[in-house]
Amino acid sequence: MGMSDYVSGLRHRIGHHFLLMPTVAAIVRDDSGRILLVQGVEGPWQLPGGAVDPDERPEDALQRECREEANAIVRPVRLLAAVGGPSIGTRTRTGTRSASWSAFTRRSFSAVS
């Protein structure tokens, strides 16, 4: 999924200047221990995840992103890590750098019908 209206509005106001955004990423395992990956907007395979919208709880953002990107319903089980800083952040083509909040989910996931 592309950039949200919120982020698009911020980018319209500040251009490609530094923008720190809270993000989430999920480690979703199936019963065989395989980890769910999705193909990112810019090409490489990655964990499902994305930006936390204004007034959204991180665990709700995690569930929404898994549903949007992988058609998977997940339930966050525990926080794995809260990380950030220059060695962790990523930069997109637009100059956005983000910090991550990651969580384990239940071992199995089911498709949205």
PDB file of N, CA and C in Angstrom:
ATOM      1  N   MET A   1       0.843  -1.175   0.000  1.00  0.00           N
ATOM      2  CA  MET A   1       0.000   0.000   0.000  1.00  0.00           C
ATOM      3  C   MET A   1       0.889   1.241   0.000  1.00  0.00           C
ATOM      4  N   GLY A   2       0.427   2.286  -0.623  1.00  0.00           N
ATOM      5  CA  GLY A   2       1.220   3.499  -0.734  1.00  0.00           C
ATOM      6  C   GLY A   2       1.168   4.373   0.507  1.00  0.00           C
ATOM      7  N   MET A   3       1.584   5.589   0.337  1.00  0.00           N
ATOM      8  CA  MET A   3       1.661   6.568   1.409  1.00  0.00           C
ATOM      9  C   MET A   3       0.258   6.979   1.854  1.00  0.00           C
ATOM     10  N   SER A   4       0.041   7.093   3.173  1.00  0.00           N
ATOM     11  CA  SER A   4      -1.257   7.519   3.691  1.00  0.00           C
ATOM     12  C   SER A   4      -1.491   8.992   3.377  1.00  0.00           C
ATOM     13  N   ASP A   5      -2.753   9.397   3.466  1.00  0.00           N
ATOM     14  CA  ASP A   5      -3.092  10.807   3.248  1.00  0.00           C
ATOM     15  C   ASP A   5      -2.372  11.701   4.254  1.00  0.00           C
ATOM     16  N   TYR A   6      -2.235  11.210   5.489  1.00  0.00           N
ATOM     17  CA  TYR A   6      -1.550  11.975   6.530  1.00  0.00           C
ATOM     18  C   TYR A   6      -0.091  12.240   6.151  1.00  0.00           C
ATOM     19  N   VAL A   7       0.635  11.188   5.770  1.00  0.00           N
ATOM     20  CA  VAL A   7       2.050  11.335   5.415  1.00  0.00           C
ATOM     21  C   VAL A   7       2.184  12.146   4.129  1.00  0.00           C
ATOM     22  N   SER A   8       1.293  11.915   3.192  1.00  0.00           N
ATOM     23  CA  SER A   8       1.312  12.685   1.948  1.00  0.00           C
ATOM     24  C   SER A   8       1.147  14.177   2.239  1.00  0.00           C
ATOM     25  N   GLY A   9       0.252  14.525   3.176  1.00  0.00           N
ATOM     26  CA  GLY A   9       0.060  15.920   3.560  1.00  0.00           C
ATOM     27  C   GLY A   9       1.298  16.512   4.204  1.00  0.00           C
ATOM     28  N   LEU A  10       1.948  15.722   5.073  1.00  0.00           N
ATOM     29  CA  LEU A  10       3.199  16.189   5.689  1.00  0.00           C
ATOM     30  C   LEU A  10       4.263  16.421   4.618  1.00  0.00           C
ATOM     31  N   ARG A  11       4.404  15.471   3.715  1.00  0.00           N
ATOM     32  CA  ARG A  11       5.404  15.601   2.643  1.00  0.00           C
ATOM     33  C   ARG A  11       5.117  16.831   1.791  1.00  0.00           C
ATOM     34  N   HIS A  12       3.851  17.112   1.552  1.00  0.00           N
ATOM     35  CA  HIS A  12       3.489  18.298   0.761  1.00  0.00           C
ATOM     36  C   HIS A  12       3.973  19.568   1.463  1.00  0.00           C
ATOM     37  N   ARG A  13       3.910  19.569   2.797  1.00  0.00           N
ATOM     38  CA  ARG A  13       4.307  20.753   3.570  1.00  0.00           C
ATOM     39  C   ARG A  13       5.813  20.885   3.737  1.00  0.00           C
ATOM     40  N   ILE A  14       6.512  19.767   3.952  1.00  0.00           N
ATOM     41  CA  ILE A  14       7.946  19.859   4.267  1.00  0.00           C
ATOM     42  C   ILE A  14       8.863  19.334   3.173  1.00  0.00           C
ATOM     43  N   GLY A  15       8.289  18.836   2.086  1.00  0.00           N
ATOM     44  CA  GLY A  15       9.119  18.317   0.998  1.00  0.00           C
ATOM     45  C   GLY A  15       9.873  17.068   1.427  1.00  0.00           C
ATOM     46  N   HIS A  16      11.151  17.021   1.070  1.00  0.00           N
ATOM     47  CA  HIS A  16      11.956  15.828   1.360  1.00  0.00           C
ATOM     48  C   HIS A  16      12.848  16.006   2.582  1.00  0.00           C
ATOM     49  N   HIS A  17      12.528  16.994   3.424  1.00  0.00           N
ATOM     50  CA  HIS A  17      13.280  17.165   4.666  1.00  0.00           C
ATOM     51  C   HIS A  17      13.053  15.981   5.583  1.00  0.00           C
ATOM     52  N   PHE A  18      13.948  15.828   6.552  1.00  0.00           N
ATOM     53  CA  PHE A  18      13.888  14.737   7.515  1.00  0.00           C
ATOM     54  C   PHE A  18      12.509  14.649   8.170  1.00  0.00           C
ATOM     55  N   LEU A  19      11.975  13.446   8.246  1.00  0.00           N
ATOM     56  CA  LEU A  19      10.691  13.194   8.885  1.00  0.00           C
ATOM     57  C   LEU A  19      10.808  11.894   9.658  1.00  0.00           C
ATOM     58  N   LEU A  20      10.661  11.976  10.968  1.00  0.00           N
ATOM     59  CA  LEU A  20      10.728  10.790  11.814  1.00  0.00           C
ATOM     60  C   LEU A  20       9.307  10.309  12.066  1.00  0.00           C
ATOM     61  N   MET A  21       9.025   9.050  11.703  1.00  0.00           N
ATOM     62  CA  MET A  21       7.682   8.501  11.823  1.00  0.00           C
ATOM     63  C   MET A  21       7.697   7.218  12.648  1.00  0.00           C
ATOM     64  N   PRO A  22       6.739   7.054  13.556  1.00  0.00           N
ATOM     65  CA  PRO A  22       6.632   5.772  14.251  1.00  0.00           C
ATOM     66  C   PRO A  22       6.111   4.716  13.282  1.00  0.00           C
ATOM     67  N   THR A  23       6.731   3.562  13.305  1.00  0.00           N
ATOM     68  CA  THR A  23       6.317   2.465  12.432  1.00  0.00           C
ATOM     69  C   THR A  23       6.217   1.174  13.231  1.00  0.00           C
ATOM     70  N   VAL A  24       5.590   0.180  12.644  1.00  0.00           N
ATOM     71  CA  VAL A  24       5.484  -1.143  13.241  1.00  0.00           C
ATOM     72  C   VAL A  24       5.915  -2.188  12.212  1.00  0.00           C
ATOM     73  N   ALA A  25       6.363  -3.328  12.715  1.00  0.00           N
ATOM     74  CA  ALA A  25       6.677  -4.475  11.862  1.00  0.00           C
ATOM     75  C   ALA A  25       6.307  -5.731  12.630  1.00  0.00           C
ATOM     76  N   ALA A  26       5.783  -6.727  11.938  1.00  0.00           N
ATOM     77  CA  ALA A  26       5.330  -7.951  12.590  1.00  0.00           C
ATOM     78  C   ALA A  26       6.174  -9.142  12.148  1.00  0.00           C
ATOM     79  N   ILE A  27       6.515  -9.980  13.115  1.00  0.00           N
ATOM     80  CA  ILE A  27       7.113 -11.275  12.802  1.00  0.00           C
ATOM     81  C   ILE A  27       5.987 -12.287  12.970  1.00  0.00           C
ATOM     82  N   VAL A  28       5.489 -12.791  11.856  1.00  0.00           N
ATOM     83  CA  VAL A  28       4.372 -13.725  11.859  1.00  0.00           C
ATOM     84  C   VAL A  28       4.895 -15.084  11.416  1.00  0.00           C
ATOM     85  N   ARG A  29       4.739 -16.092  12.269  1.00  0.00           N
ATOM     86  CA  ARG A  29       5.195 -17.453  11.964  1.00  0.00           C
ATOM     87  C   ARG A  29       3.999 -18.373  11.765  1.00  0.00           C
ATOM     88  N   ASP A  30       4.129 -19.308  10.808  1.00  0.00           N
ATOM     89  CA  ASP A  30       3.090 -20.317  10.672  1.00  0.00           C
ATOM     90  C   ASP A  30       3.465 -21.534  11.516  1.00  0.00           C
ATOM     91  N   ASP A  31       2.663 -22.585  11.464  1.00  0.00           N
ATOM     92  CA  ASP A  31       2.903 -23.765  12.299  1.00  0.00           C
ATOM     93  C   ASP A  31       4.212 -24.466  11.970  1.00  0.00           C
ATOM     94  N   SER A  32       4.747 -24.236  10.769  1.00  0.00           N
ATOM     95  CA  SER A  32       6.030 -24.839  10.375  1.00  0.00           C
ATOM     96  C   SER A  32       7.217 -23.953  10.746  1.00  0.00           C
ATOM     97  N   GLY A  33       6.955 -22.786  11.315  1.00  0.00           N
ATOM     98  CA  GLY A  33       8.022 -21.880  11.706  1.00  0.00           C
ATOM     99  C   GLY A  33       8.449 -20.912  10.617  1.00  0.00           C
ATOM    100  N   ARG A  34       7.791 -20.981   9.452  1.00  0.00           N
ATOM    101  CA  ARG A  34       8.135 -20.043   8.370  1.00  0.00           C
ATOM    102  C   ARG A  34       7.673 -18.644   8.750  1.00  0.00           C
ATOM    103  N   ILE A  35       8.427 -17.634   8.329  1.00  0.00           N
ATOM    104  CA  ILE A  35       8.109 -16.231   8.622  1.00  0.00           C
ATOM    105  C   ILE A  35       7.460 -15.601   7.397  1.00  0.00           C
ATOM    106  N   LEU A  36       6.360 -14.899   7.630  1.00  0.00           N
ATOM    107  CA  LEU A  36       5.635 -14.211   6.571  1.00  0.00           C
ATOM    108  C   LEU A  36       6.421 -12.987   6.112  1.00  0.00           C
ATOM    109  N   LEU A  37       6.648 -12.879   4.806  1.00  0.00           N
ATOM    110  CA  LEU A  37       7.273 -11.703   4.203  1.00  0.00           C
ATOM    111  C   LEU A  37       6.341 -11.155   3.132  1.00  0.00           C
ATOM    112  N   VAL A  38       6.413  -9.856   2.897  1.00  0.00           N
ATOM    113  CA  VAL A  38       5.653  -9.209   1.833  1.00  0.00           C
ATOM    114  C   VAL A  38       6.625  -8.440   0.952  1.00  0.00           C
ATOM    115  N   GLN A  39       6.252  -8.269  -0.309  1.00  0.00           N
ATOM    116  CA  GLN A  39       7.121  -7.492  -1.189  1.00  0.00           C
ATOM    117  C   GLN A  39       6.819  -6.020  -0.984  1.00  0.00           C
ATOM    118  N   GLY A  40       7.850  -5.256  -0.614  1.00  0.00           N
ATOM    119  CA  GLY A  40       7.690  -3.839  -0.311  1.00  0.00           C
ATOM    120  C   GLY A  40       7.413  -2.999  -1.544  1.00  0.00           C
ATOM    121  N   VAL A  41       6.938  -1.789  -1.310  1.00  0.00           N
ATOM    122  CA  VAL A  41       6.633  -0.843  -2.382  1.00  0.00           C
ATOM    123  C   VAL A  41       7.869  -0.586  -3.242  1.00  0.00           C
ATOM    124  N   GLU A  42       9.033  -0.529  -2.610  1.00  0.00           N
ATOM    125  CA  GLU A  42      10.271  -0.239  -3.340  1.00  0.00           C
ATOM    126  C   GLU A  42      11.001  -1.501  -3.784  1.00  0.00           C
ATOM    127  N   GLY A  43      10.355  -2.680  -3.666  1.00  0.00           N
ATOM    128  CA  GLY A  43      10.921  -3.886  -4.235  1.00  0.00           C
ATOM    129  C   GLY A  43      11.331  -5.006  -3.300  1.00  0.00           C
ATOM    130  N   PRO A  44      12.179  -4.751  -2.296  1.00  0.00           N
ATOM    131  CA  PRO A  44      12.697  -5.877  -1.506  1.00  0.00           C
ATOM    132  C   PRO A  44      11.628  -6.513  -0.617  1.00  0.00           C
ATOM    133  N   TRP A  45      11.816  -7.792  -0.317  1.00  0.00           N
ATOM    134  CA  TRP A  45      10.933  -8.508   0.599  1.00  0.00           C
ATOM    135  C   TRP A  45      11.201  -8.026   2.011  1.00  0.00           C
ATOM    136  N   GLN A  46      10.143  -7.930   2.808  1.00  0.00           N
ATOM    137  CA  GLN A  46      10.262  -7.393   4.157  1.00  0.00           C
ATOM    138  C   GLN A  46       9.155  -7.942   5.043  1.00  0.00           C
ATOM    139  N   LEU A  47       9.272  -7.676   6.336  1.00  0.00           N
ATOM    140  CA  LEU A  47       8.205  -8.018   7.265  1.00  0.00           C
ATOM    141  C   LEU A  47       7.013  -7.115   6.984  1.00  0.00           C
ATOM    142  N   PRO A  48       5.775  -7.607   7.182  1.00  0.00           N
ATOM    143  CA  PRO A  48       4.629  -6.711   7.025  1.00  0.00           C
ATOM    144  C   PRO A  48       4.675  -5.622   8.093  1.00  0.00           C
ATOM    145  N   GLY A  49       4.356  -4.420   7.710  1.00  0.00           N
ATOM    146  CA  GLY A  49       4.373  -3.314   8.652  1.00  0.00           C
ATOM    147  C   GLY A  49       4.261  -1.994   7.943  1.00  0.00           C
ATOM    148  N   GLY A  50       4.294  -0.927   8.721  1.00  0.00           N
ATOM    149  CA  GLY A  50       4.210   0.400   8.135  1.00  0.00           C
ATOM    150  C   GLY A  50       3.983   1.456   9.208  1.00  0.00           C
ATOM    151  N   ALA A  51       3.555   2.615   8.777  1.00  0.00           N
ATOM    152  CA  ALA A  51       3.405   3.768   9.668  1.00  0.00           C
ATOM    153  C   ALA A  51       2.212   3.623  10.607  1.00  0.00           C
ATOM    154  N   VAL A  52       2.383   4.169  11.799  1.00  0.00           N
ATOM    155  CA  VAL A  52       1.292   4.271  12.771  1.00  0.00           C
ATOM    156  C   VAL A  52       0.563   5.574  12.471  1.00  0.00           C
ATOM    157  N   ASP A  53      -0.739   5.489  12.214  1.00  0.00           N
ATOM    158  CA  ASP A  53      -1.530   6.676  11.913  1.00  0.00           C
ATOM    159  C   ASP A  53      -1.765   7.505  13.170  1.00  0.00           C
ATOM    160  N   PRO A  54      -2.082   8.797  13.021  1.00  0.00           N
ATOM    161  CA  PRO A  54      -2.383   9.625  14.188  1.00  0.00           C
ATOM    162  C   PRO A  54      -3.507   9.003  15.025  1.00  0.00           C
ATOM    163  N   ASP A  55      -3.350   9.012  16.330  1.00  0.00           N
ATOM    164  CA  ASP A  55      -4.326   8.479  17.283  1.00  0.00           C
ATOM    165  C   ASP A  55      -4.536   6.968  17.177  1.00  0.00           C
ATOM    166  N   GLU A  56      -3.621   6.260  16.536  1.00  0.00           N
ATOM    167  CA  GLU A  56      -3.724   4.808  16.405  1.00  0.00           C
ATOM    168  C   GLU A  56      -2.748   4.141  17.374  1.00  0.00           C
ATOM    169  N   ARG A  57      -3.199   3.101  18.066  1.00  0.00           N
ATOM    170  CA  ARG A  57      -2.308   2.354  18.950  1.00  0.00           C
ATOM    171  C   ARG A  57      -1.386   1.497  18.093  1.00  0.00           C
ATOM    172  N   PRO A  58      -0.122   1.327  18.500  1.00  0.00           N
ATOM    173  CA  PRO A  58       0.806   0.522  17.704  1.00  0.00           C
ATOM    174  C   PRO A  58       0.288  -0.884  17.399  1.00  0.00           C
ATOM    175  N   GLU A  59      -0.352  -1.542  18.369  1.00  0.00           N
ATOM    176  CA  GLU A  59      -0.853  -2.887  18.116  1.00  0.00           C
ATOM    177  C   GLU A  59      -1.986  -2.879  17.097  1.00  0.00           C
ATOM    178  N   ASP A  60      -2.784  -1.817  17.063  1.00  0.00           N
ATOM    179  CA  ASP A  60      -3.827  -1.700  16.037  1.00  0.00           C
ATOM    180  C   ASP A  60      -3.205  -1.468  14.661  1.00  0.00           C
ATOM    181  N   ALA A  61      -2.149  -0.655  14.614  1.00  0.00           N
ATOM    182  CA  ALA A  61      -1.449  -0.418  13.351  1.00  0.00           C
ATOM    183  C   ALA A  61      -0.835  -1.718  12.830  1.00  0.00           C
ATOM    184  N   LEU A  62      -0.282  -2.518  13.734  1.00  0.00           N
ATOM    185  CA  LEU A  62       0.314  -3.796  13.360  1.00  0.00           C
ATOM    186  C   LEU A  62      -0.735  -4.712  12.725  1.00  0.00           C
ATOM    187  N   GLN A  63      -1.901  -4.781  13.346  1.00  0.00           N
ATOM    188  CA  GLN A  63      -2.974  -5.617  12.809  1.00  0.00           C
ATOM    189  C   GLN A  63      -3.466  -5.082  11.461  1.00  0.00           C
ATOM    190  N   ARG A  64      -3.622  -3.775  11.356  1.00  0.00           N
ATOM    191  CA  ARG A  64      -4.081  -3.169  10.098  1.00  0.00           C
ATOM    192  C   ARG A  64      -3.096  -3.415   8.969  1.00  0.00           C
ATOM    193  N   GLU A  65      -1.806  -3.218   9.245  1.00  0.00           N
ATOM    194  CA  GLU A  65      -0.793  -3.400   8.207  1.00  0.00           C
ATOM    195  C   GLU A  65      -0.735  -4.859   7.729  1.00  0.00           C
ATOM    196  N   CYS A  66      -0.847  -5.809   8.646  1.00  0.00           N
ATOM    197  CA  CYS A  66      -0.845  -7.230   8.253  1.00  0.00           C
ATOM    198  C   CYS A  66      -2.056  -7.547   7.383  1.00  0.00           C
ATOM    199  N   ARG A  67      -3.201  -6.970   7.740  1.00  0.00           N
ATOM    200  CA  ARG A  67      -4.422  -7.171   6.952  1.00  0.00           C
ATOM    201  C   ARG A  67      -4.285  -6.537   5.568  1.00  0.00           C
ATOM    202  N   GLU A  68      -3.767  -5.308   5.505  1.00  0.00           N
ATOM    203  CA  GLU A  68      -3.639  -4.606   4.222  1.00  0.00           C
ATOM    204  C   GLU A  68      -2.590  -5.243   3.312  1.00  0.00           C
ATOM    205  N   GLU A  69      -1.456  -5.607   3.877  1.00  0.00           N
ATOM    206  CA  GLU A  69      -0.332  -6.063   3.054  1.00  0.00           C
ATOM    207  C   GLU A  69      -0.332  -7.551   2.754  1.00  0.00           C
ATOM    208  N   ALA A  70      -0.890  -8.358   3.674  1.00  0.00           N
ATOM    209  CA  ALA A  70      -0.797  -9.809   3.503  1.00  0.00           C
ATOM    210  C   ALA A  70      -2.143 -10.500   3.619  1.00  0.00           C
ATOM    211  N   ASN A  71      -3.224  -9.741   3.779  1.00  0.00           N
ATOM    212  CA  ASN A  71      -4.541 -10.327   3.943  1.00  0.00           C
ATOM    213  C   ASN A  71      -4.550 -11.315   5.109  1.00  0.00           C
ATOM    214  N   ALA A  72      -3.787 -10.998   6.160  1.00  0.00           N
ATOM    215  CA  ALA A  72      -3.642 -11.869   7.325  1.00  0.00           C
ATOM    216  C   ALA A  72      -4.216 -11.210   8.563  1.00  0.00           C
ATOM    217  N   ILE A  73      -4.927 -11.988   9.360  1.00  0.00           N
ATOM    218  CA  ILE A  73      -5.432 -11.522  10.644  1.00  0.00           C
ATOM    219  C   ILE A  73      -4.464 -12.024  11.702  1.00  0.00           C
ATOM    220  N   VAL A  74      -3.903 -11.102  12.482  1.00  0.00           N
ATOM    221  CA  VAL A  74      -2.923 -11.471  13.505  1.00  0.00           C
ATOM    222  C   VAL A  74      -3.319 -10.881  14.847  1.00  0.00           C
ATOM    223  N   ARG A  75      -2.790 -11.468  15.892  1.00  0.00           N
ATOM    224  CA  ARG A  75      -2.993 -10.989  17.250  1.00  0.00           C
ATOM    225  C   ARG A  75      -1.614 -10.799  17.873  1.00  0.00           C
ATOM    226  N   PRO A  76      -1.204  -9.554  18.153  1.00  0.00           N
ATOM    227  CA  PRO A  76       0.104  -9.358  18.780  1.00  0.00           C
ATOM    228  C   PRO A  76       0.178 -10.095  20.121  1.00  0.00           C
ATOM    229  N   VAL A  77       1.290 -10.794  20.341  1.00  0.00           N
ATOM    230  CA  VAL A  77       1.471 -11.563  21.556  1.00  0.00           C
ATOM    231  C   VAL A  77       2.399 -10.849  22.521  1.00  0.00           C
ATOM    232  N   ARG A  78       3.521 -10.347  22.023  1.00  0.00           N
ATOM    233  CA  ARG A  78       4.443  -9.630  22.898  1.00  0.00           C
ATOM    234  C   ARG A  78       5.309  -8.697  22.076  1.00  0.00           C
ATOM    235  N   LEU A  79       5.800  -7.689  22.751  1.00  0.00           N
ATOM    236  CA  LEU A  79       6.722  -6.749  22.134  1.00  0.00           C
ATOM    237  C   LEU A  79       8.090  -7.407  22.044  1.00  0.00           C
ATOM    238  N   LEU A  80       8.642  -7.446  20.867  1.00  0.00           N
ATOM    239  CA  LEU A  80       9.976  -8.006  20.680  1.00  0.00           C
ATOM    240  C   LEU A  80      11.032  -6.944  20.945  1.00  0.00           C
ATOM    241  N   ALA A  81      10.858  -5.763  20.361  1.00  0.00           N
ATOM    242  CA  ALA A  81      11.848  -4.700  20.523  1.00  0.00           C
ATOM    243  C   ALA A  81      11.234  -3.362  20.136  1.00  0.00           C
ATOM    244  N   ALA A  82      11.761  -2.320  20.723  1.00  0.00           N
ATOM    245  CA  ALA A  82      11.455  -0.957  20.297  1.00  0.00           C
ATOM    246  C   ALA A  82      12.805  -0.347  19.963  1.00  0.00           C
ATOM    247  N   VAL A  83      13.025  -0.076  18.691  1.00  0.00           N
ATOM    248  CA  VAL A  83      14.345   0.342  18.241  1.00  0.00           C
ATOM    249  C   VAL A  83      14.265   1.624  17.426  1.00  0.00           C
ATOM    250  N   GLY A  84      15.378   2.312  17.343  1.00  0.00           N
ATOM    251  CA  GLY A  84      15.464   3.520  16.546  1.00  0.00           C
ATOM    252  C   GLY A  84      16.895   3.999  16.504  1.00  0.00           C
ATOM    253  N   GLY A  85      17.105   5.190  16.025  1.00  0.00           N
ATOM    254  CA  GLY A  85      18.440   5.751  15.937  1.00  0.00           C
ATOM    255  C   GLY A  85      19.018   5.617  14.548  1.00  0.00           C
ATOM    256  N   PRO A  86      20.130   6.270  14.303  1.00  0.00           N
ATOM    257  CA  PRO A  86      20.703   6.318  12.947  1.00  0.00           C
ATOM    258  C   PRO A  86      21.134   4.961  12.405  1.00  0.00           C
ATOM    259  N   SER A  87      21.510   4.019  13.264  1.00  0.00           N
ATOM    260  CA  SER A  87      21.940   2.715  12.746  1.00  0.00           C
ATOM    261  C   SER A  87      20.762   1.810  12.429  1.00  0.00           C
ATOM    262  N   ILE A  88      19.570   2.134  12.880  1.00  0.00           N
ATOM    263  CA  ILE A  88      18.390   1.307  12.681  1.00  0.00           C
ATOM    264  C   ILE A  88      17.485   1.869  11.593  1.00  0.00           C
ATOM    265  N   GLY A  89      17.370   3.156  11.516  1.00  0.00           N
ATOM    266  CA  GLY A  89      16.425   3.791  10.603  1.00  0.00           C
ATOM    267  C   GLY A  89      16.683   3.461   9.148  1.00  0.00           C
ATOM    268  N   THR A  90      15.636   3.614   8.359  1.00  0.00           N
ATOM    269  CA  THR A  90      15.734   3.414   6.917  1.00  0.00           C
ATOM    270  C   THR A  90      15.422   4.721   6.221  1.00  0.00           C
ATOM    271  N   ARG A  91      15.872   4.846   5.003  1.00  0.00           N
ATOM    272  CA  ARG A  91      15.573   6.014   4.185  1.00  0.00           C
ATOM    273  C   ARG A  91      14.910   5.548   2.902  1.00  0.00           C
ATOM    274  N   THR A  92      13.772   6.138   2.594  1.00  0.00           N
ATOM    275  CA  THR A  92      13.081   5.811   1.353  1.00  0.00           C
ATOM    276  C   THR A  92      13.520   6.777   0.260  1.00  0.00           C
ATOM    277  N   ARG A  93      12.975   6.588  -0.916  1.00  0.00           N
ATOM    278  CA  ARG A  93      13.289   7.492  -2.030  1.00  0.00           C
ATOM    279  C   ARG A  93      12.898   8.923  -1.712  1.00  0.00           C
ATOM    280  N   THR A  94      11.880   9.107  -0.867  1.00  0.00           N
ATOM    281  CA  THR A  94      11.409  10.459  -0.540  1.00  0.00           C
ATOM    282  C   THR A  94      12.169  11.080   0.616  1.00  0.00           C
ATOM    283  N   GLY A  95      13.117  10.349   1.213  1.00  0.00           N
ATOM    284  CA  GLY A  95      13.900  10.888   2.308  1.00  0.00           C
ATOM    285  C   GLY A  95      13.344  10.596   3.681  1.00  0.00           C
ATOM    286  N   THR A  96      12.258   9.839   3.761  1.00  0.00           N
ATOM    287  CA  THR A  96      11.666   9.500   5.045  1.00  0.00           C
ATOM    288  C   THR A  96      12.551   8.510   5.791  1.00  0.00           C
ATOM    289  N   ARG A  97      12.842   8.805   7.038  1.00  0.00           N
ATOM    290  CA  ARG A  97      13.559   7.869   7.900  1.00  0.00           C
ATOM    291  C   ARG A  97      12.612   7.457   9.005  1.00  0.00           C
ATOM    292  N   SER A  98      12.609   6.185   9.379  1.00  0.00           N
ATOM    293  CA  SER A  98      11.652   5.731  10.377  1.00  0.00           C
ATOM    294  C   SER A  98      12.310   4.891  11.455  1.00  0.00           C
ATOM    295  N   ALA A  99      11.686   4.893  12.631  1.00  0.00           N
ATOM    296  CA  ALA A  99      12.054   3.998  13.717  1.00  0.00           C
ATOM    297  C   ALA A  99      11.042   2.862  13.712  1.00  0.00           C
ATOM    298  N   SER A 100      11.348   1.759  14.374  1.00  0.00           N
ATOM    299  CA  SER A 100      10.468   0.591  14.312  1.00  0.00           C
ATOM    300  C   SER A 100      10.023   0.120  15.679  1.00  0.00           C
ATOM    301  N   TRP A 101       8.840  -0.422  15.711  1.00  0.00           N
ATOM    302  CA  TRP A 101       8.288  -1.126  16.869  1.00  0.00           C
ATOM    303  C   TRP A 101       7.914  -2.483  16.321  1.00  0.00           C
ATOM    304  N   SER A 102       8.486  -3.555  16.861  1.00  0.00           N
ATOM    305  CA  SER A 102       8.234  -4.881  16.321  1.00  0.00           C
ATOM    306  C   SER A 102       7.593  -5.769  17.365  1.00  0.00           C
ATOM    307  N   ALA A 103       6.771  -6.691  16.921  1.00  0.00           N
ATOM    308  CA  ALA A 103       6.092  -7.586  17.856  1.00  0.00           C
ATOM    309  C   ALA A 103       5.955  -8.976  17.265  1.00  0.00           C
ATOM    310  N   PHE A 104       6.032  -9.985  18.128  1.00  0.00           N
ATOM    311  CA  PHE A 104       5.674 -11.332  17.713  1.00  0.00           C
ATOM    312  C   PHE A 104       4.162 -11.415  17.639  1.00  0.00           C
ATOM    313  N   THR A 105       3.660 -12.255  16.768  1.00  0.00           N
ATOM    314  CA  THR A 105       2.230 -12.516  16.714  1.00  0.00           C
ATOM    315  C   THR A 105       2.029 -13.999  16.988  1.00  0.00           C
ATOM    316  N   ARG A 106       0.784 -14.403  17.080  1.00  0.00           N
ATOM    317  CA  ARG A 106       0.552 -15.822  17.309  1.00  0.00           C
ATOM    318  C   ARG A 106       1.172 -16.620  16.179  1.00  0.00           C
ATOM    319  N   ARG A 107       1.470 -17.855  16.396  1.00  0.00           N
ATOM    320  CA  ARG A 107       2.214 -18.676  15.443  1.00  0.00           C
ATOM    321  C   ARG A 107       1.471 -18.850  14.133  1.00  0.00           C
ATOM    322  N   SER A 108       0.174 -18.890  14.172  1.00  0.00           N
ATOM    323  CA  SER A 108      -0.557 -19.083  12.922  1.00  0.00           C
ATOM    324  C   SER A 108      -1.285 -17.809  12.543  1.00  0.00           C
ATOM    325  N   PHE A 109      -1.639 -17.709  11.296  1.00  0.00           N
ATOM    326  CA  PHE A 109      -2.431 -16.572  10.859  1.00  0.00           C
ATOM    327  C   PHE A 109      -3.459 -17.079   9.878  1.00  0.00           C
ATOM    328  N   SER A 110      -4.548 -16.361   9.733  1.00  0.00           N
ATOM    329  CA  SER A 110      -5.599 -16.791   8.821  1.00  0.00           C
ATOM    330  C   SER A 110      -5.905 -15.684   7.843  1.00  0.00           C
ATOM    331  N   ALA A 111      -6.334 -16.059   6.673  1.00  0.00           N
ATOM    332  CA  ALA A 111      -6.660 -15.094   5.634  1.00  0.00           C
ATOM    333  C   ALA A 111      -7.978 -14.417   5.938  1.00  0.00           C
ATOM    334  N   VAL A 112      -8.084 -13.167   5.555  1.00  0.00           N
ATOM    335  CA  VAL A 112      -9.344 -12.441   5.670  1.00  0.00           C
ATOM    336  C   VAL A 112     -10.261 -12.945   4.563  1.00  0.00           C
ATOM    337  N   SER A 113     -11.494 -13.252   4.923  1.00  0.00           N
ATOM    338  CA  SER A 113     -12.423 -13.760   3.877  1.00  0.00           C
ATOM    339  C   SER A 113     -13.148 -12.636   3.185  1.00  0.00           C
TER     340      SER A 113
END
